[in-house]
């Protein structure tokens, strides 16, 4: 994926990296990146009021896939910005 400016995405979320996210090699553990992705997804779902709709209809979104291309390690202390967008909406399969 190209380096697209954050402003080009419909939603972004900035958060501080916390000490506990580091592994023994003093960088952020690879699995933690997916928690960052989840954080921005929750912000997006809240903004779109999906949780209220899910309560009323008893249905909700499911993440079909996710991936991460690691480019450089994250280290504490720092701040990151993650982005989110909806690529496709389909019925249950």
PDB file of N, CA and C in Angstrom:
ATOM      1  N   UNK A   1       0.848  -1.183   0.000  1.00  0.00           N
ATOM      2  CA  UNK A   1       0.000   0.000   0.000  1.00  0.00           C
ATOM      3  C   UNK A   1       0.887   1.237   0.000  1.00  0.00           C
ATOM      4  N   UNK A   2       0.536   2.204  -0.773  1.00  0.00           N
ATOM      5  CA  UNK A   2       1.299   3.451  -0.860  1.00  0.00           C
ATOM      6  C   UNK A   2       1.125   4.265   0.420  1.00  0.00           C
ATOM      7  N   UNK A   3       2.008   5.200   0.618  1.00  0.00           N
ATOM      8  CA  UNK A   3       1.890   6.106   1.758  1.00  0.00           C
ATOM      9  C   UNK A   3       0.851   7.172   1.444  1.00  0.00           C
ATOM     10  N   UNK A   4      -0.372   6.892   1.801  1.00  0.00           N
ATOM     11  CA  UNK A   4      -1.485   7.809   1.554  1.00  0.00           C
ATOM     12  C   UNK A   4      -1.672   8.670   2.802  1.00  0.00           C
ATOM     13  N   UNK A   5      -1.789   9.980   2.659  1.00  0.00           N
ATOM     14  CA  UNK A   5      -1.963  10.844   3.831  1.00  0.00           C
ATOM     15  C   UNK A   5      -3.196  10.464   4.648  1.00  0.00           C
ATOM     16  N   UNK A   6      -3.064  10.571   5.947  1.00  0.00           N
ATOM     17  CA  UNK A   6      -4.154  10.220   6.869  1.00  0.00           C
ATOM     18  C   UNK A   6      -5.423  10.979   6.516  1.00  0.00           C
ATOM     19  N   UNK A   7      -5.298  12.201   6.053  1.00  0.00           N
ATOM     20  CA  UNK A   7      -6.467  13.016   5.725  1.00  0.00           C
ATOM     21  C   UNK A   7      -7.313  12.408   4.606  1.00  0.00           C
ATOM     22  N   UNK A   8      -6.754  11.511   3.825  1.00  0.00           N
ATOM     23  CA  UNK A   8      -7.493  10.892   2.719  1.00  0.00           C
ATOM     24  C   UNK A   8      -8.395   9.749   3.173  1.00  0.00           C
ATOM     25  N   UNK A   9      -8.307   9.353   4.431  1.00  0.00           N
ATOM     26  CA  UNK A   9      -9.140   8.278   4.950  1.00  0.00           C
ATOM     27  C   UNK A   9     -10.349   8.867   5.662  1.00  0.00           C
ATOM     28  N   UNK A  10     -11.476   8.151   5.644  1.00  0.00           N
ATOM     29  CA  UNK A  10     -12.689   8.698   6.258  1.00  0.00           C
ATOM     30  C   UNK A  10     -12.625   8.801   7.775  1.00  0.00           C
ATOM     31  N   UNK A  11     -11.753   8.013   8.416  1.00  0.00           N
ATOM     32  CA  UNK A  11     -11.698   8.034   9.870  1.00  0.00           C
ATOM     33  C   UNK A  11     -10.296   7.696  10.327  1.00  0.00           C
ATOM     34  N   UNK A  12      -9.806   8.410  11.328  1.00  0.00           N
ATOM     35  CA  UNK A  12      -8.510   8.090  11.917  1.00  0.00           C
ATOM     36  C   UNK A  12      -8.627   8.151  13.435  1.00  0.00           C
ATOM     37  N   UNK A  13      -7.697   7.475  14.094  1.00  0.00           N
ATOM     38  CA  UNK A  13      -7.696   7.398  15.552  1.00  0.00           C
ATOM     39  C   UNK A  13      -6.247   7.490  16.022  1.00  0.00           C
ATOM     40  N   UNK A  14      -5.954   8.456  16.871  1.00  0.00           N
ATOM     41  CA  UNK A  14      -4.603   8.640  17.402  1.00  0.00           C
ATOM     42  C   UNK A  14      -4.582   8.186  18.845  1.00  0.00           C
ATOM     43  N   UNK A  15      -3.555   7.435  19.196  1.00  0.00           N
ATOM     44  CA  UNK A  15      -3.426   6.936  20.557  1.00  0.00           C
ATOM     45  C   UNK A  15      -1.957   6.804  20.928  1.00  0.00           C
ATOM     46  N   UNK A  16      -1.714   6.839  22.223  1.00  0.00           N
ATOM     47  CA  UNK A  16      -0.360   6.672  22.738  1.00  0.00           C
ATOM     48  C   UNK A  16      -0.012   5.190  22.804  1.00  0.00           C
ATOM     49  N   UNK A  17       1.227   4.892  22.513  1.00  0.00           N
ATOM     50  CA  UNK A  17       1.736   3.535  22.717  1.00  0.00           C
ATOM     51  C   UNK A  17       2.035   3.403  24.209  1.00  0.00           C
ATOM     52  N   UNK A  18       1.627   2.300  24.793  1.00  0.00           N
ATOM     53  CA  UNK A  18       1.846   2.103  26.229  1.00  0.00           C
ATOM     54  C   UNK A  18       3.000   1.129  26.466  1.00  0.00           C
ATOM     55  N   UNK A  19       3.645   1.296  27.595  1.00  0.00           N
ATOM     56  CA  UNK A  19       4.808   0.501  27.972  1.00  0.00           C
ATOM     57  C   UNK A  19       4.520  -0.999  27.891  1.00  0.00           C
ATOM     58  N   UNK A  20       3.367  -1.407  28.319  1.00  0.00           N
ATOM     59  CA  UNK A  20       3.009  -2.827  28.374  1.00  0.00           C
ATOM     60  C   UNK A  20       2.918  -3.479  26.990  1.00  0.00           C
ATOM     61  N   UNK A  21       2.856  -2.702  25.927  1.00  0.00           N
ATOM     62  CA  UNK A  21       2.753  -3.263  24.576  1.00  0.00           C
ATOM     63  C   UNK A  21       4.091  -3.761  24.030  1.00  0.00           C
ATOM     64  N   UNK A  22       5.184  -3.444  24.727  1.00  0.00           N
ATOM     65  CA  UNK A  22       6.509  -3.848  24.245  1.00  0.00           C
ATOM     66  C   UNK A  22       6.809  -5.301  24.591  1.00  0.00           C
ATOM     67  N   UNK A  23       7.642  -5.918  23.759  1.00  0.00           N
ATOM     68  CA  UNK A  23       8.104  -7.273  24.046  1.00  0.00           C
ATOM     69  C   UNK A  23       9.536  -7.220  24.588  1.00  0.00           C
ATOM     70  N   UNK A  24      10.149  -8.383  24.745  1.00  0.00           N
ATOM     71  CA  UNK A  24      11.488  -8.472  25.325  1.00  0.00           C
ATOM     72  C   UNK A  24      12.547  -7.762  24.485  1.00  0.00           C
ATOM     73  N   UNK A  25      12.287  -7.551  23.211  1.00  0.00           N
ATOM     74  CA  UNK A  25      13.244  -6.874  22.330  1.00  0.00           C
ATOM     75  C   UNK A  25      13.048  -5.354  22.312  1.00  0.00           C
ATOM     76  N   UNK A  26      12.177  -4.862  23.205  1.00  0.00           N
ATOM     77  CA  UNK A  26      11.932  -3.430  23.380  1.00  0.00           C
ATOM     78  C   UNK A  26      11.238  -2.757  22.197  1.00  0.00           C
ATOM     79  N   UNK A  27      10.455  -3.518  21.453  1.00  0.00           N
ATOM     80  CA  UNK A  27       9.583  -2.895  20.461  1.00  0.00           C
ATOM     81  C   UNK A  27       8.198  -3.484  20.625  1.00  0.00           C
ATOM     82  N   UNK A  28       7.235  -2.876  19.973  1.00  0.00           N
ATOM     83  CA  UNK A  28       5.848  -3.304  20.131  1.00  0.00           C
ATOM     84  C   UNK A  28       5.676  -4.686  19.516  1.00  0.00           C
ATOM     85  N   UNK A  29       5.092  -5.583  20.282  1.00  0.00           N
ATOM     86  CA  UNK A  29       4.862  -6.943  19.822  1.00  0.00           C
ATOM     87  C   UNK A  29       3.951  -6.942  18.600  1.00  0.00           C
ATOM     88  N   UNK A  30       4.246  -7.787  17.626  1.00  0.00           N
ATOM     89  CA  UNK A  30       3.482  -7.813  16.372  1.00  0.00           C
ATOM     90  C   UNK A  30       1.992  -8.035  16.582  1.00  0.00           C
ATOM     91  N   UNK A  31       1.612  -8.807  17.566  1.00  0.00           N
ATOM     92  CA  UNK A  31       0.186  -9.067  17.784  1.00  0.00           C
ATOM     93  C   UNK A  31      -0.555  -7.826  18.279  1.00  0.00           C
ATOM     94  N   UNK A  32       0.155  -6.898  18.892  1.00  0.00           N
ATOM     95  CA  UNK A  32      -0.468  -5.686  19.426  1.00  0.00           C
ATOM     96  C   UNK A  32      -0.998  -4.801  18.301  1.00  0.00           C
ATOM     97  N   UNK A  33      -0.366  -4.858  17.143  1.00  0.00           N
ATOM     98  CA  UNK A  33      -0.849  -4.062  16.006  1.00  0.00           C
ATOM     99  C   UNK A  33      -2.325  -4.371  15.722  1.00  0.00           C
ATOM    100  N   UNK A  34      -2.708  -5.627  15.847  1.00  0.00           N
ATOM    101  CA  UNK A  34      -4.094  -5.995  15.578  1.00  0.00           C
ATOM    102  C   UNK A  34      -5.034  -5.440  16.639  1.00  0.00           C
ATOM    103  N   UNK A  35      -4.541  -5.234  17.850  1.00  0.00           N
ATOM    104  CA  UNK A  35      -5.358  -4.565  18.864  1.00  0.00           C
ATOM    105  C   UNK A  35      -5.534  -3.093  18.492  1.00  0.00           C
ATOM    106  N   UNK A  36      -4.490  -2.472  17.934  1.00  0.00           N
ATOM    107  CA  UNK A  36      -4.623  -1.096  17.455  1.00  0.00           C
ATOM    108  C   UNK A  36      -5.671  -1.025  16.347  1.00  0.00           C
ATOM    109  N   UNK A  37      -5.664  -2.010  15.446  1.00  0.00           N
ATOM    110  CA  UNK A  37      -6.669  -2.051  14.373  1.00  0.00           C
ATOM    111  C   UNK A  37      -8.070  -2.171  14.969  1.00  0.00           C
ATOM    112  N   UNK A  38      -8.195  -2.996  16.013  1.00  0.00           N
ATOM    113  CA  UNK A  38      -9.494  -3.157  16.661  1.00  0.00           C
ATOM    114  C   UNK A  38      -9.940  -1.845  17.301  1.00  0.00           C
ATOM    115  N   UNK A  39      -9.015  -1.121  17.910  1.00  0.00           N
ATOM    116  CA  UNK A  39      -9.359   0.162  18.540  1.00  0.00           C
ATOM    117  C   UNK A  39      -9.969   1.130  17.526  1.00  0.00           C
ATOM    118  N   UNK A  40      -9.347   1.253  16.354  1.00  0.00           N
ATOM    119  CA  UNK A  40      -9.887   2.182  15.350  1.00  0.00           C
ATOM    120  C   UNK A  40     -11.189   1.649  14.766  1.00  0.00           C
ATOM    121  N   UNK A  41     -11.335   0.326  14.654  1.00  0.00           N
ATOM    122  CA  UNK A  41     -12.610  -0.246  14.181  1.00  0.00           C
ATOM    123  C   UNK A  41     -13.741   0.089  15.134  1.00  0.00           C
ATOM    124  N   UNK A  42     -13.491  -0.006  16.440  1.00  0.00           N
ATOM    125  CA  UNK A  42     -14.528   0.312  17.424  1.00  0.00           C
ATOM    126  C   UNK A  42     -14.907   1.786  17.334  1.00  0.00           C
ATOM    127  N   UNK A  43     -13.933   2.666  17.164  1.00  0.00           N
ATOM    128  CA  UNK A  43     -14.223   4.092  16.995  1.00  0.00           C
ATOM    129  C   UNK A  43     -15.116   4.297  15.773  1.00  0.00           C
ATOM    130  N   UNK A  44     -14.789   3.603  14.679  1.00  0.00           N
ATOM    131  CA  UNK A  44     -15.583   3.723  13.456  1.00  0.00           C
ATOM    132  C   UNK A  44     -17.007   3.211  13.678  1.00  0.00           C
ATOM    133  N   UNK A  45     -17.143   2.044  14.306  1.00  0.00           N
ATOM    134  CA  UNK A  45     -18.469   1.470  14.536  1.00  0.00           C
ATOM    135  C   UNK A  45     -19.299   2.355  15.461  1.00  0.00           C
ATOM    136  N   UNK A  46     -18.661   2.959  16.460  1.00  0.00           N
ATOM    137  CA  UNK A  46     -19.383   3.887  17.338  1.00  0.00           C
ATOM    138  C   UNK A  46     -19.850   5.111  16.561  1.00  0.00           C
ATOM    139  N   UNK A  47     -18.978   5.649  15.736  1.00  0.00           N
ATOM    140  CA  UNK A  47     -19.331   6.841  14.953  1.00  0.00           C
ATOM    141  C   UNK A  47     -20.485   6.550  13.997  1.00  0.00           C
ATOM    142  N   UNK A  48     -20.519   5.352  13.444  1.00  0.00           N
ATOM    143  CA  UNK A  48     -21.588   4.954  12.525  1.00  0.00           C
ATOM    144  C   UNK A  48     -22.829   4.428  13.251  1.00  0.00           C
ATOM    145  N   UNK A  49     -22.781   4.403  14.586  1.00  0.00           N
ATOM    146  CA  UNK A  49     -23.879   3.929  15.433  1.00  0.00           C
ATOM    147  C   UNK A  49     -24.259   2.484  15.131  1.00  0.00           C
ATOM    148  N   UNK A  50     -23.280   1.686  14.782  1.00  0.00           N
ATOM    149  CA  UNK A  50     -23.518   0.277  14.453  1.00  0.00           C
ATOM    150  C   UNK A  50     -23.923  -0.520  15.688  1.00  0.00           C
ATOM    151  N   UNK A  51     -23.368  -0.197  16.846  1.00  0.00           N
ATOM    152  CA  UNK A  51     -23.697  -0.964  18.053  1.00  0.00           C
ATOM    153  C   UNK A  51     -25.169  -0.805  18.426  1.00  0.00           C
ATOM    154  N   UNK A  52     -25.717   0.407  18.269  1.00  0.00           N
ATOM    155  CA  UNK A  52     -27.137   0.624  18.558  1.00  0.00           C
ATOM    156  C   UNK A  52     -28.006  -0.150  17.563  1.00  0.00           C
ATOM    157  N   UNK A  53     -27.615  -0.126  16.298  1.00  0.00           N
ATOM    158  CA  UNK A  53     -28.349  -0.868  15.271  1.00  0.00           C
ATOM    159  C   UNK A  53     -28.282  -2.370  15.544  1.00  0.00           C
ATOM    160  N   UNK A  54     -27.130  -2.852  15.939  1.00  0.00           N
ATOM    161  CA  UNK A  54     -26.958  -4.282  16.224  1.00  0.00           C
ATOM    162  C   UNK A  54     -27.842  -4.718  17.391  1.00  0.00           C
ATOM    163  N   UNK A  55     -27.982  -3.864  18.399  1.00  0.00           N
ATOM    164  CA  UNK A  55     -28.859  -4.189  19.533  1.00  0.00           C
ATOM    165  C   UNK A  55     -30.310  -4.306  19.090  1.00  0.00           C
ATOM    166  N   UNK A  56     -30.739  -3.395  18.209  1.00  0.00           N
ATOM    167  CA  UNK A  56     -32.126  -3.412  17.748  1.00  0.00           C
ATOM    168  C   UNK A  56     -32.418  -4.591  16.824  1.00  0.00           C
ATOM    169  N   UNK A  57     -31.491  -4.888  15.919  1.00  0.00           N
ATOM    170  CA  UNK A  57     -31.732  -5.910  14.892  1.00  0.00           C
ATOM    171  C   UNK A  57     -31.170  -7.281  15.233  1.00  0.00           C
ATOM    172  N   UNK A  58     -30.393  -7.344  16.306  1.00  0.00           N
ATOM    173  CA  UNK A  58     -29.748  -8.593  16.721  1.00  0.00           C
ATOM    174  C   UNK A  58     -28.823  -9.156  15.649  1.00  0.00           C
ATOM    175  N   UNK A  59     -28.199  -8.285  14.904  1.00  0.00           N
ATOM    176  CA  UNK A  59     -27.166  -8.653  13.928  1.00  0.00           C
ATOM    177  C   UNK A  59     -26.061  -7.605  14.018  1.00  0.00           C
ATOM    178  N   UNK A  60     -24.883  -7.974  13.574  1.00  0.00           N
ATOM    179  CA  UNK A  60     -23.796  -7.015  13.629  1.00  0.00           C
ATOM    180  C   UNK A  60     -22.721  -7.348  12.623  1.00  0.00           C
ATOM    181  N   UNK A  61     -21.729  -6.493  12.546  1.00  0.00           N
ATOM    182  CA  UNK A  61     -20.663  -6.685  11.568  1.00  0.00           C
ATOM    183  C   UNK A  61     -19.690  -7.781  11.978  1.00  0.00           C
ATOM    184  N   UNK A  62     -19.071  -8.357  10.986  1.00  0.00           N
ATOM    185  CA  UNK A  62     -18.025  -9.351  11.189  1.00  0.00           C
ATOM    186  C   UNK A  62     -16.852  -8.949  10.300  1.00  0.00           C
ATOM    187  N   UNK A  63     -15.655  -8.991  10.860  1.00  0.00           N
ATOM    188  CA  UNK A  63     -14.465  -8.683  10.068  1.00  0.00           C
ATOM    189  C   UNK A  63     -14.126  -9.906   9.234  1.00  0.00           C
ATOM    190  N   UNK A  64     -14.138  -9.746   7.909  1.00  0.00           N
ATOM    191  CA  UNK A  64     -13.869 -10.857   7.006  1.00  0.00           C
ATOM    192  C   UNK A  64     -12.397 -11.202   6.923  1.00  0.00           C
ATOM    193  N   UNK A  65     -11.543 -10.198   6.972  1.00  0.00           N
ATOM    194  CA  UNK A  65     -10.102 -10.454   6.955  1.00  0.00           C
ATOM    195  C   UNK A  65      -9.374  -9.197   7.397  1.00  0.00           C
ATOM    196  N   UNK A  66      -8.163  -9.394   7.827  1.00  0.00           N
ATOM    197  CA  UNK A  66      -7.290  -8.293   8.197  1.00  0.00           C
ATOM    198  C   UNK A  66      -5.861  -8.737   7.966  1.00  0.00           C
ATOM    199  N   UNK A  67      -4.997  -7.774   7.686  1.00  0.00           N
ATOM    200  CA  UNK A  67      -3.598  -8.120   7.482  1.00  0.00           C
ATOM    201  C   UNK A  67      -2.735  -6.935   7.859  1.00  0.00           C
ATOM    202  N   UNK A  68      -1.475  -7.200   8.044  1.00  0.00           N
ATOM    203  CA  UNK A  68      -0.545  -6.146   8.404  1.00  0.00           C
ATOM    204  C   UNK A  68       0.772  -6.373   7.680  1.00  0.00           C
ATOM    205  N   UNK A  69       1.220  -5.357   6.972  1.00  0.00           N
ATOM    206  CA  UNK A  69       2.548  -5.367   6.357  1.00  0.00           C
ATOM    207  C   UNK A  69       3.445  -4.518   7.250  1.00  0.00           C
ATOM    208  N   UNK A  70       4.306  -5.184   8.005  1.00  0.00           N
ATOM    209  CA  UNK A  70       5.176  -4.481   8.946  1.00  0.00           C
ATOM    210  C   UNK A  70       6.282  -3.767   8.181  1.00  0.00           C
ATOM    211  N   UNK A  71       6.435  -2.481   8.429  1.00  0.00           N
ATOM    212  CA  UNK A  71       7.436  -1.683   7.719  1.00  0.00           C
ATOM    213  C   UNK A  71       8.569  -1.235   8.622  1.00  0.00           C
ATOM    214  N   UNK A  72       8.242  -0.955   9.865  1.00  0.00           N
ATOM    215  CA  UNK A  72       9.250  -0.503  10.823  1.00  0.00           C
ATOM    216  C   UNK A  72       8.707  -0.772  12.228  1.00  0.00           C
ATOM    217  N   UNK A  73       9.587  -1.037  13.178  1.00  0.00           N
ATOM    218  CA  UNK A  73       9.098  -1.304  14.535  1.00  0.00           C
ATOM    219  C   UNK A  73       8.565  -0.040  15.208  1.00  0.00           C
ATOM    220  N   UNK A  74       7.556  -0.213  16.025  1.00  0.00           N
ATOM    221  CA  UNK A  74       7.072   0.856  16.896  1.00  0.00           C
ATOM    222  C   UNK A  74       7.735   0.668  18.254  1.00  0.00           C
ATOM    223  N   UNK A  75       8.049   1.756  18.906  1.00  0.00           N
ATOM    224  CA  UNK A  75       8.674   1.688  20.226  1.00  0.00           C
ATOM    225  C   UNK A  75       8.005   2.681  21.166  1.00  0.00           C
ATOM    226  N   UNK A  76       8.103   2.393  22.439  1.00  0.00           N
ATOM    227  CA  UNK A  76       7.611   3.289  23.486  1.00  0.00           C
ATOM    228  C   UNK A  76       8.701   4.291  23.807  1.00  0.00           C
ATOM    229  N   UNK A  77       8.414   5.533  24.076  1.00  0.00           N
ATOM    230  CA  UNK A  77       7.113   6.200  23.983  1.00  0.00           C
ATOM    231  C   UNK A  77       6.905   6.747  22.572  1.00  0.00           C
ATOM    232  N   UNK A  78       5.687   6.708  22.141  1.00  0.00           N
ATOM    233  CA  UNK A  78       5.341   7.270  20.843  1.00  0.00           C
ATOM    234  C   UNK A  78       3.830   7.366  20.754  1.00  0.00           C
ATOM    235  N   UNK A  79       3.366   7.987  19.708  1.00  0.00           N
ATOM    236  CA  UNK A  79       1.941   8.103  19.412  1.00  0.00           C
ATOM    237  C   UNK A  79       1.737   7.602  17.992  1.00  0.00           C
ATOM    238  N   UNK A  80       0.657   6.847  17.785  1.00  0.00           N
ATOM    239  CA  UNK A  80       0.367   6.337  16.445  1.00  0.00           C
ATOM    240  C   UNK A  80      -1.019   6.804  16.009  1.00  0.00           C
ATOM    241  N   UNK A  81      -1.201   6.844  14.713  1.00  0.00           N
ATOM    242  CA  UNK A  81      -2.508   7.124  14.141  1.00  0.00           C
ATOM    243  C   UNK A  81      -2.867   5.961  13.232  1.00  0.00           C
ATOM    244  N   UNK A  82      -4.009   5.351  13.495  1.00  0.00           N
ATOM    245  CA  UNK A  82      -4.522   4.279  12.652  1.00  0.00           C
ATOM    246  C   UNK A  82      -5.733   4.810  11.907  1.00  0.00           C
ATOM    247  N   UNK A  83      -6.035   4.210  10.768  1.00  0.00           N
ATOM    248  CA  UNK A  83      -7.162   4.643   9.947  1.00  0.00           C
ATOM    249  C   UNK A  83      -8.086   3.463   9.700  1.00  0.00           C
ATOM    250  N   UNK A  84      -9.338   3.769   9.343  1.00  0.00           N
ATOM    251  CA  UNK A  84     -10.309   2.715   9.060  1.00  0.00           C
ATOM    252  C   UNK A  84     -11.202   3.143   7.912  1.00  0.00           C
ATOM    253  N   UNK A  85     -11.660   2.150   7.174  1.00  0.00           N
ATOM    254  CA  UNK A  85     -12.610   2.383   6.094  1.00  0.00           C
ATOM    255  C   UNK A  85     -13.350   1.087   5.833  1.00  0.00           C
ATOM    256  N   UNK A  86     -14.497   1.190   5.213  1.00  0.00           N
ATOM    257  CA  UNK A  86     -15.277   0.026   4.814  1.00  0.00           C
ATOM    258  C   UNK A  86     -14.991  -0.216   3.351  1.00  0.00           C
ATOM    259  N   UNK A  87     -14.519  -1.394   3.053  1.00  0.00           N
ATOM    260  CA  UNK A  87     -14.191  -1.719   1.671  1.00  0.00           C
ATOM    261  C   UNK A  87     -15.348  -2.396   0.950  1.00  0.00           C
ATOM    262  N   UNK A  88     -16.101  -3.229   1.689  1.00  0.00           N
ATOM    263  CA  UNK A  88     -17.167  -3.983   1.063  1.00  0.00           C
ATOM    264  C   UNK A  88     -18.169  -4.414   2.126  1.00  0.00           C
ATOM    265  N   UNK A  89     -19.430  -4.370   1.792  1.00  0.00           N
ATOM    266  CA  UNK A  89     -20.488  -4.866   2.682  1.00  0.00           C
ATOM    267  C   UNK A  89     -21.243  -5.940   1.926  1.00  0.00           C
ATOM    268  N   UNK A  90     -21.334  -7.116   2.538  1.00  0.00           N
ATOM    269  CA  UNK A  90     -22.025  -8.237   1.912  1.00  0.00           C
ATOM    270  C   UNK A  90     -22.916  -8.929   2.916  1.00  0.00           C
ATOM    271  N   UNK A  91     -23.873  -9.676   2.388  1.00  0.00           N
ATOM    272  CA  UNK A  91     -24.715 -10.477   3.274  1.00  0.00           C
ATOM    273  C   UNK A  91     -23.932 -11.644   3.827  1.00  0.00           C
ATOM    274  N   UNK A  92     -24.473 -12.231   4.880  1.00  0.00           N
ATOM    275  CA  UNK A  92     -23.856 -13.393   5.499  1.00  0.00           C
ATOM    276  C   UNK A  92     -23.699 -14.517   4.476  1.00  0.00           C
ATOM    277  N   UNK A  93     -22.544 -15.159   4.517  1.00  0.00           N
ATOM    278  CA  UNK A  93     -22.306 -16.272   3.602  1.00  0.00           C
ATOM    279  C   UNK A  93     -22.067 -17.545   4.364  1.00  0.00           C
TER     280      UNK A  93
END
